[in-house]
């Protein structure tokens, strides 16, 4: 059975970008903005955050690999990725 994973990028209040993976993007963004124990340590201090990019992957392994690729990009490359994103 295939599951749908999402790789997402958030823009934080300080204009930095945070990348993660999830099965439920809406819920995960809300968790980041809530700032509780489910929020990433990085985003807790940089709220509010907003979703600026997402793409889908069939498996967790595929999502993790793509997340790693994005995290290795420099800020300029990430900004180009985000600027070319059209919400679906």
N, C-alpha and C. Protein backbone atom coordinates (compact mmCIF):
# COMPACT_ATOMS: atom_id res chain seq x y z
N UNK A 1 0.84 -1.19 0.00
CA UNK A 1 0.00 0.00 0.00
C UNK A 1 0.88 1.25 0.00
N UNK A 2 0.61 2.17 -0.92
CA UNK A 2 1.39 3.39 -1.01
C UNK A 2 0.79 4.46 -0.10
N UNK A 3 1.65 5.18 0.53
CA UNK A 3 1.21 6.31 1.34
C UNK A 3 1.72 7.59 0.71
N UNK A 4 1.02 8.65 0.89
CA UNK A 4 1.45 9.92 0.34
C UNK A 4 2.15 10.74 1.41
N UNK A 5 3.36 11.04 1.15
CA UNK A 5 4.16 11.89 2.02
C UNK A 5 4.32 13.24 1.35
N UNK A 6 4.48 14.27 2.15
CA UNK A 6 4.67 15.62 1.63
C UNK A 6 5.98 16.18 2.18
N UNK A 7 6.77 16.74 1.28
CA UNK A 7 7.95 17.51 1.66
C UNK A 7 7.48 18.96 1.64
N UNK A 8 7.73 19.70 2.71
CA UNK A 8 7.22 21.07 2.78
C UNK A 8 8.32 22.03 3.21
N UNK A 9 8.14 23.28 2.81
CA UNK A 9 9.03 24.36 3.25
C UNK A 9 8.17 25.43 3.87
N UNK A 10 8.59 25.88 5.04
CA UNK A 10 7.91 26.95 5.76
C UNK A 10 8.78 28.20 5.75
N UNK A 11 8.12 29.35 5.64
CA UNK A 11 8.84 30.61 5.84
C UNK A 11 8.55 31.06 7.27
N UNK A 12 9.61 31.28 8.01
CA UNK A 12 9.48 31.68 9.41
C UNK A 12 9.39 33.20 9.51
N UNK A 13 9.02 33.69 10.68
CA UNK A 13 8.86 35.12 10.91
C UNK A 13 10.14 35.90 10.66
N UNK A 14 11.30 35.26 10.84
CA UNK A 14 12.59 35.93 10.60
C UNK A 14 13.05 35.79 9.14
N UNK A 15 12.16 35.31 8.26
CA UNK A 15 12.41 35.11 6.83
C UNK A 15 13.30 33.91 6.52
N UNK A 16 13.62 33.11 7.51
CA UNK A 16 14.38 31.89 7.25
C UNK A 16 13.42 30.82 6.73
N UNK A 17 13.99 29.75 6.17
CA UNK A 17 13.19 28.66 5.62
C UNK A 17 13.44 27.38 6.40
N UNK A 18 12.38 26.63 6.65
CA UNK A 18 12.47 25.36 7.37
C UNK A 18 11.86 24.28 6.48
N UNK A 19 12.55 23.16 6.35
CA UNK A 19 12.08 22.06 5.51
C UNK A 19 11.78 20.84 6.37
N UNK A 20 10.69 20.14 6.05
CA UNK A 20 10.32 18.93 6.79
C UNK A 20 9.48 18.01 5.92
N UNK A 21 9.09 16.87 6.49
CA UNK A 21 8.21 15.93 5.81
C UNK A 21 7.05 15.56 6.73
N UNK A 22 5.93 15.20 6.13
CA UNK A 22 4.75 14.84 6.90
C UNK A 22 3.77 14.08 6.03
N UNK A 23 2.79 13.46 6.66
CA UNK A 23 1.68 12.85 5.93
C UNK A 23 0.48 13.79 5.89
N UNK A 24 0.42 14.76 6.79
CA UNK A 24 -0.70 15.69 6.87
C UNK A 24 -0.15 17.11 7.00
N UNK A 25 -0.03 17.79 5.89
CA UNK A 25 0.62 19.10 5.86
C UNK A 25 -0.13 20.16 6.66
N UNK A 26 -1.45 20.20 6.54
CA UNK A 26 -2.24 21.20 7.26
C UNK A 26 -2.05 21.05 8.76
N UNK A 27 -2.15 19.82 9.24
CA UNK A 27 -1.97 19.55 10.67
C UNK A 27 -0.56 19.91 11.12
N UNK A 28 0.43 19.57 10.31
CA UNK A 28 1.83 19.81 10.70
C UNK A 28 2.14 21.29 10.79
N UNK A 29 1.65 22.08 9.85
CA UNK A 29 1.87 23.53 9.90
C UNK A 29 1.22 24.11 11.16
N UNK A 30 0.03 23.64 11.49
CA UNK A 30 -0.65 24.09 12.70
C UNK A 30 0.17 23.74 13.95
N UNK A 31 0.77 22.55 13.95
CA UNK A 31 1.62 22.15 15.09
C UNK A 31 2.82 23.08 15.21
N UNK A 32 3.43 23.43 14.08
CA UNK A 32 4.57 24.36 14.13
C UNK A 32 4.12 25.71 14.69
N UNK A 33 2.97 26.18 14.27
CA UNK A 33 2.50 27.49 14.73
C UNK A 33 2.03 27.47 16.18
N UNK A 34 1.59 26.32 16.67
CA UNK A 34 1.15 26.21 18.06
C UNK A 34 2.33 26.36 19.02
N UNK A 35 3.50 25.94 18.58
CA UNK A 35 4.70 26.12 19.39
C UNK A 35 4.87 25.16 20.55
N UNK A 36 4.03 24.17 20.67
CA UNK A 36 4.15 23.20 21.75
C UNK A 36 5.23 22.18 21.50
N UNK A 37 5.16 21.08 22.20
CA UNK A 37 6.20 20.06 22.09
C UNK A 37 6.24 19.39 20.72
N UNK A 38 5.15 19.49 19.95
CA UNK A 38 5.13 18.89 18.61
C UNK A 38 5.79 19.78 17.56
N UNK A 39 5.99 21.04 17.88
CA UNK A 39 6.66 21.95 16.94
C UNK A 39 8.16 21.66 16.95
N UNK A 40 8.78 21.85 15.82
CA UNK A 40 10.23 21.70 15.75
C UNK A 40 10.88 22.79 16.61
N UNK A 41 11.97 22.46 17.24
CA UNK A 41 12.67 23.43 18.08
C UNK A 41 13.01 24.69 17.28
N UNK A 42 13.41 24.48 16.02
CA UNK A 42 13.79 25.60 15.16
C UNK A 42 12.62 26.57 14.97
N UNK A 43 11.43 26.05 14.71
CA UNK A 43 10.30 26.93 14.40
C UNK A 43 9.65 27.53 15.65
N UNK A 44 9.83 26.90 16.80
CA UNK A 44 9.22 27.42 18.03
C UNK A 44 9.63 28.85 18.31
N UNK A 45 10.88 29.17 18.02
CA UNK A 45 11.41 30.51 18.29
C UNK A 45 11.21 31.47 17.12
N UNK A 46 10.61 30.99 16.03
CA UNK A 46 10.50 31.79 14.81
C UNK A 46 9.07 31.85 14.28
N UNK A 47 8.09 31.81 15.17
CA UNK A 47 6.69 31.84 14.76
C UNK A 47 6.23 33.27 14.52
N UNK A 48 5.21 33.45 13.70
CA UNK A 48 4.46 32.42 12.99
C UNK A 48 5.20 31.95 11.74
N UNK A 49 4.82 30.77 11.29
CA UNK A 49 5.37 30.23 10.06
C UNK A 49 4.25 30.11 9.03
N UNK A 50 4.62 30.12 7.75
CA UNK A 50 3.62 29.93 6.70
C UNK A 50 4.17 28.97 5.66
N UNK A 51 3.29 28.18 5.10
CA UNK A 51 3.67 27.21 4.09
C UNK A 51 3.94 27.93 2.78
N UNK A 52 5.14 27.72 2.21
CA UNK A 52 5.48 28.39 0.96
C UNK A 52 5.80 27.41 -0.16
N UNK A 53 5.89 26.11 0.17
CA UNK A 53 6.22 25.11 -0.85
C UNK A 53 5.86 23.73 -0.34
N UNK A 54 5.38 22.89 -1.27
CA UNK A 54 5.20 21.48 -0.92
C UNK A 54 5.27 20.65 -2.19
N UNK A 55 5.72 19.41 -2.02
CA UNK A 55 5.71 18.44 -3.11
C UNK A 55 5.44 17.08 -2.50
N UNK A 56 4.94 16.18 -3.30
CA UNK A 56 4.53 14.87 -2.79
C UNK A 56 5.55 13.79 -3.14
N UNK A 57 5.60 12.77 -2.30
CA UNK A 57 6.45 11.60 -2.52
C UNK A 57 5.63 10.37 -2.17
N UNK A 58 5.90 9.27 -2.86
CA UNK A 58 5.12 8.05 -2.66
C UNK A 58 5.46 7.34 -1.36
N UNK A 59 6.72 7.41 -0.95
CA UNK A 59 7.15 6.69 0.25
C UNK A 59 7.89 7.61 1.20
N UNK A 60 8.00 7.18 2.44
CA UNK A 60 8.76 7.96 3.41
C UNK A 60 10.22 8.06 3.00
N UNK A 61 10.75 6.98 2.45
CA UNK A 61 12.13 6.98 2.00
C UNK A 61 12.35 8.03 0.92
N UNK A 62 11.46 8.10 -0.06
CA UNK A 62 11.57 9.11 -1.11
C UNK A 62 11.48 10.52 -0.53
N UNK A 63 10.56 10.71 0.41
CA UNK A 63 10.39 12.02 1.04
C UNK A 63 11.64 12.43 1.82
N UNK A 64 12.21 11.49 2.54
CA UNK A 64 13.41 11.78 3.33
C UNK A 64 14.58 12.14 2.43
N UNK A 65 14.72 11.42 1.33
CA UNK A 65 15.81 11.72 0.39
C UNK A 65 15.65 13.11 -0.20
N UNK A 66 14.43 13.47 -0.59
CA UNK A 66 14.19 14.80 -1.16
C UNK A 66 14.37 15.89 -0.11
N UNK A 67 13.93 15.64 1.11
CA UNK A 67 14.14 16.60 2.20
C UNK A 67 15.63 16.87 2.37
N UNK A 68 16.42 15.82 2.34
CA UNK A 68 17.87 15.95 2.49
C UNK A 68 18.45 16.80 1.35
N UNK A 69 17.98 16.55 0.12
CA UNK A 69 18.45 17.34 -1.03
C UNK A 69 18.15 18.82 -0.83
N UNK A 70 16.92 19.11 -0.40
CA UNK A 70 16.52 20.51 -0.21
C UNK A 70 17.33 21.14 0.92
N UNK A 71 17.52 20.43 2.02
CA UNK A 71 18.26 20.99 3.15
C UNK A 71 19.71 21.29 2.80
N UNK A 72 20.24 20.60 1.81
CA UNK A 72 21.63 20.84 1.39
C UNK A 72 21.76 22.02 0.43
N UNK A 73 20.64 22.53 -0.06
CA UNK A 73 20.66 23.68 -0.97
C UNK A 73 21.03 24.94 -0.20
N UNK A 74 21.66 25.89 -0.88
CA UNK A 74 21.90 27.17 -0.23
C UNK A 74 20.60 27.99 -0.26
N UNK A 75 20.58 29.07 0.47
CA UNK A 75 19.35 29.87 0.62
C UNK A 75 18.86 30.39 -0.73
N UNK A 76 19.77 30.82 -1.59
CA UNK A 76 19.39 31.36 -2.89
C UNK A 76 18.66 30.30 -3.72
N UNK A 77 19.16 29.09 -3.73
CA UNK A 77 18.54 28.01 -4.49
C UNK A 77 17.18 27.65 -3.92
N UNK A 78 17.07 27.63 -2.59
CA UNK A 78 15.77 27.37 -1.96
C UNK A 78 14.76 28.46 -2.32
N UNK A 79 15.22 29.71 -2.32
CA UNK A 79 14.33 30.83 -2.67
C UNK A 79 13.84 30.69 -4.12
N UNK A 80 14.69 30.23 -5.03
CA UNK A 80 14.28 29.99 -6.41
C UNK A 80 13.24 28.87 -6.48
N UNK A 81 13.44 27.82 -5.70
CA UNK A 81 12.48 26.71 -5.65
C UNK A 81 11.13 27.22 -5.17
N UNK A 82 11.14 27.99 -4.10
CA UNK A 82 9.91 28.51 -3.50
C UNK A 82 9.23 29.50 -4.45
N UNK A 83 10.01 30.35 -5.12
CA UNK A 83 9.42 31.37 -6.00
C UNK A 83 8.74 30.76 -7.22
N UNK A 84 9.16 29.56 -7.62
CA UNK A 84 8.55 28.89 -8.76
C UNK A 84 7.36 28.03 -8.39
N UNK A 85 7.01 27.99 -7.12
CA UNK A 85 5.93 27.12 -6.64
C UNK A 85 4.57 27.76 -6.86
N UNK A 86 3.68 26.99 -7.42
CA UNK A 86 2.29 27.42 -7.58
C UNK A 86 1.42 26.50 -6.74
N UNK A 87 0.63 27.06 -5.84
CA UNK A 87 -0.24 26.26 -4.97
C UNK A 87 -1.21 25.44 -5.81
N UNK A 88 -1.40 24.19 -5.39
CA UNK A 88 -2.31 23.28 -6.12
C UNK A 88 -3.53 23.01 -5.30
